[in-house]
Protein backbone atom coordinates (compact mmCIF):
# COMPACT_ATOMS: atom_id res chain seq x y z
CA UNK A 1 -50.22 169.35 -4.73
CA UNK A 2 -53.28 167.13 -5.57
CA UNK A 3 -56.54 168.85 -4.65
CA UNK A 4 -58.93 166.06 -5.49
CA UNK A 5 -58.71 163.11 -3.24
CA UNK A 6 -60.64 160.98 -0.65
CA UNK A 7 -59.70 160.80 2.97
CA UNK A 8 -60.64 157.85 5.09
CA UNK A 9 -60.58 156.79 8.67
CA UNK A 10 -61.66 153.69 10.49
CA UNK A 11 -62.36 152.83 14.13
CA UNK A 12 -61.86 149.27 15.32
CA UNK A 13 -63.68 147.13 17.88
CA UNK A 14 -60.79 144.84 18.69
CA UNK A 15 -57.04 144.59 17.87
CA UNK A 16 -58.05 142.76 14.73
CA UNK A 17 -57.85 144.89 11.54
CA UNK A 18 -61.03 143.27 10.25
CA UNK A 19 -63.07 144.55 13.27
CA UNK A 20 -64.27 147.88 11.81
CA UNK A 21 -66.89 149.49 13.93
CA UNK A 22 -67.02 152.91 12.17
CA UNK A 23 -65.93 154.49 9.06
CA UNK A 24 -65.65 158.02 7.86
CA UNK A 25 -65.04 159.09 4.24
CA UNK A 26 -64.48 162.62 2.96
CA UNK A 27 -64.48 163.38 -0.81
CA UNK A 28 -62.57 166.43 -1.79
CA UNK A 29 -62.68 167.89 -5.24
CA UNK A 30 -60.56 170.90 -6.40
CA UNK A 31 -59.71 171.69 -2.84
CA UNK A 32 -63.34 171.57 -1.53
CA UNK A 33 -65.05 169.02 0.54
CA UNK A 34 -68.05 167.87 -1.59
CA UNK A 35 -69.23 164.74 0.20
CA UNK A 36 -68.97 163.22 3.60
CA UNK A 37 -70.03 159.71 4.64
CA UNK A 38 -70.07 158.08 8.09
CA UNK A 39 -71.50 154.97 9.38
CA UNK A 40 -71.36 152.79 12.44
CA UNK A 41 -70.38 149.22 11.34
CA UNK A 42 -71.30 146.00 13.15
CA UNK A 43 -67.92 144.20 13.65
CA UNK A 44 -67.77 140.35 13.43
CA UNK A 45 -69.91 138.92 16.17
CA UNK A 46 -70.37 142.47 17.47
CA UNK A 47 -67.37 141.77 19.59
CA UNK A 48 -65.44 144.47 21.39
CA UNK A 49 -62.39 144.93 23.54
CA UNK A 50 -62.88 147.34 26.56
CA UNK A 51 -59.73 149.07 25.61
CA UNK A 52 -60.89 150.14 22.12
CA UNK A 53 -64.37 151.07 23.42
CA UNK A 54 -62.60 153.38 25.97
CA UNK A 55 -60.76 155.16 23.06
CA UNK A 56 -63.69 155.88 20.73
CA UNK A 57 -66.75 155.31 23.00
CA UNK A 58 -68.38 152.83 20.58
CA UNK A 59 -69.88 149.66 22.30
CA UNK A 60 -71.84 146.71 21.20
CA UNK A 61 -75.15 148.37 22.03
CA UNK A 62 -74.21 151.10 19.42
CA UNK A 63 -73.63 148.61 16.51
CA UNK A 64 -76.13 145.95 17.28
CA UNK A 65 -78.47 147.21 14.58
CA UNK A 66 -75.70 148.67 12.32
CA UNK A 67 -74.89 147.20 8.97
CA UNK A 68 -71.95 144.87 8.58
CA UNK A 69 -69.10 145.97 6.39
CA UNK A 70 -70.34 143.43 3.76
CA UNK A 71 -73.84 145.17 3.86
CA UNK A 72 -72.26 148.61 3.74
CA UNK A 73 -69.66 147.85 0.95
CA UNK A 74 -71.97 148.75 -1.91
CA UNK A 75 -72.29 152.23 -0.43
CA UNK A 76 -68.53 152.55 0.29
CA UNK A 77 -67.28 151.15 -2.96
CA UNK A 78 -68.15 154.07 -5.17
CA UNK A 79 -66.79 156.57 -2.68
CA UNK A 80 -63.34 155.04 -2.81
CA UNK A 81 -62.97 153.08 -6.10
CA UNK A 82 -60.17 154.44 -8.22
CA UNK A 83 -59.66 157.49 -5.99
CA UNK A 84 -56.49 159.13 -4.80
CA UNK A 85 -56.52 158.10 -1.14
CA UNK A 86 -55.33 159.98 1.96
CA UNK A 87 -55.18 158.81 5.49
CA UNK A 88 -53.40 160.17 8.62
CA UNK A 89 -52.11 156.69 9.58
CA UNK A 90 -51.89 155.33 5.98
CA UNK A 91 -50.48 151.92 6.77
CA UNK A 92 -53.08 151.24 9.39
CA UNK A 93 -56.15 152.49 7.38
CA UNK A 94 -55.06 150.92 4.21
CA UNK A 95 -54.42 147.56 6.01
CA UNK A 96 -57.73 147.68 7.82
CA UNK A 97 -59.53 148.24 4.46
CA UNK A 98 -57.59 145.33 2.81
CA UNK A 99 -58.03 142.97 5.78
CA UNK A 100 -61.71 143.74 6.29
CA UNK A 101 -62.36 143.20 2.62
CA UNK A 102 -60.40 139.87 2.72
CA UNK A 103 -62.47 138.84 5.78
CA UNK A 104 -65.66 139.33 3.86
CA UNK A 105 -64.17 137.86 0.61
CA UNK A 106 -64.32 141.07 -1.31
CA UNK A 107 -61.65 141.95 -3.97
CA UNK A 108 -59.36 144.77 -2.76
CA UNK A 109 -57.58 144.86 -6.04
CA UNK A 110 -60.80 145.60 -7.91
CA UNK A 111 -60.97 148.97 -6.16
CA UNK A 112 -58.02 150.12 -8.34
CA UNK A 113 -56.28 151.91 -5.40
CA UNK A 114 -52.62 152.87 -5.36
CA UNK A 115 -50.41 150.40 -3.44
CA UNK A 116 -49.44 153.16 -0.98
CA UNK A 117 -51.70 156.25 -0.11
CA UNK A 118 -50.67 159.67 0.90
CA UNK A 119 -50.11 159.85 4.61
CA UNK A 120 -50.57 163.20 6.43
CA UNK A 121 -48.59 162.00 9.43
CA UNK A 122 -45.48 161.27 7.24
CA UNK A 123 -45.97 164.41 5.35
CA UNK A 124 -45.98 166.56 8.38
CA UNK A 125 -43.07 164.65 9.83
CA UNK A 126 -41.13 165.30 6.62
CA UNK A 127 -41.80 169.02 7.11
CA UNK A 128 -40.07 169.00 10.44
CA UNK A 129 -43.06 168.57 12.83
CA UNK A 130 -41.56 166.66 15.82
CA UNK A 131 -44.90 165.07 16.83
CA UNK A 132 -47.46 164.09 14.25
CA UNK A 133 -50.41 162.60 16.14
CA UNK A 134 -53.58 163.78 14.48
CA UNK A 135 -54.68 165.75 17.48
CA UNK A 136 -51.31 167.49 17.69
CA UNK A 137 -51.20 168.31 13.89
CA UNK A 138 -54.78 169.51 14.10
CA UNK A 139 -54.01 171.91 17.09
CA UNK A 140 -50.91 173.30 15.40
CA UNK A 141 -52.83 173.85 12.13
CA UNK A 142 -56.01 175.13 13.63
CA UNK A 143 -58.09 172.23 12.37
CA UNK A 144 -61.27 171.28 14.36
CA UNK A 145 -61.18 167.70 15.56
CA UNK A 146 -63.39 165.47 17.68
CA UNK A 147 -60.66 162.74 17.96
CA UNK A 148 -61.59 159.13 17.34
CA UNK A 149 -64.88 159.98 15.61
CA UNK A 150 -64.20 158.45 12.18
CA UNK A 151 -65.82 161.19 10.23
CA UNK A 152 -64.13 163.96 12.16
CA UNK A 153 -60.92 162.15 11.86
CA UNK A 154 -61.25 161.79 8.07
CA UNK A 155 -62.33 165.43 7.74
CA UNK A 156 -59.46 166.65 9.81
CA UNK A 157 -57.08 164.45 7.69
CA UNK A 158 -58.58 166.05 4.49
CA UNK A 159 -58.07 169.57 5.93
CA UNK A 160 -54.42 168.78 7.10
CA UNK A 161 -53.72 167.48 3.53
CA UNK A 162 -55.19 170.79 2.07
CA UNK A 163 -52.96 172.83 4.49
CA UNK A 164 -49.64 171.34 3.53
CA UNK A 165 -48.53 174.59 1.77
CA UNK A 166 -49.56 176.51 4.94
CA UNK A 167 -47.53 174.03 7.05
CA UNK A 168 -44.52 174.54 4.82
CA UNK A 169 -44.83 178.28 5.45
CA UNK A 170 -45.21 177.87 9.14
CA UNK A 171 -42.12 175.81 9.34
CA UNK A 172 -40.17 178.42 7.35
CA UNK A 173 -41.25 181.17 9.68
CA UNK A 174 -40.82 179.08 12.86
């Protein structure tokens, strides 16, 4: 199993994938978390849907003075460029990154990321876990989680990825 990777999670302000309002990134080297990054992000026009705010608790007042994704990208880019990426909902988080970069006319291909990332939800499902929501996997695997906090979600994803071998043993015993 790969022990050097980067886990990422986004929170969205609306149903649009380009409406990032928070990002969490966790860098793992040789099985150890070596760096964590979190930032609120001002979404386009600082617009929110009440449904998304209800999920993660982030509102326009929280991001009014936050940097936009374009302003934050020079900080995010070196954290993810060329990395082995992991996300709990890989398709969602990869699509959010791609569409947000497209919205701001940034080149996704220049990041040099694999066309598909590792997905802890799919991995745990393939191991026989019936339900693979992040909160459920974390509970089963003893991983601390403050759900819908982008950094906590990214950290939990990293820990779940590191616990795949434990999950295999758990399923063998179960």
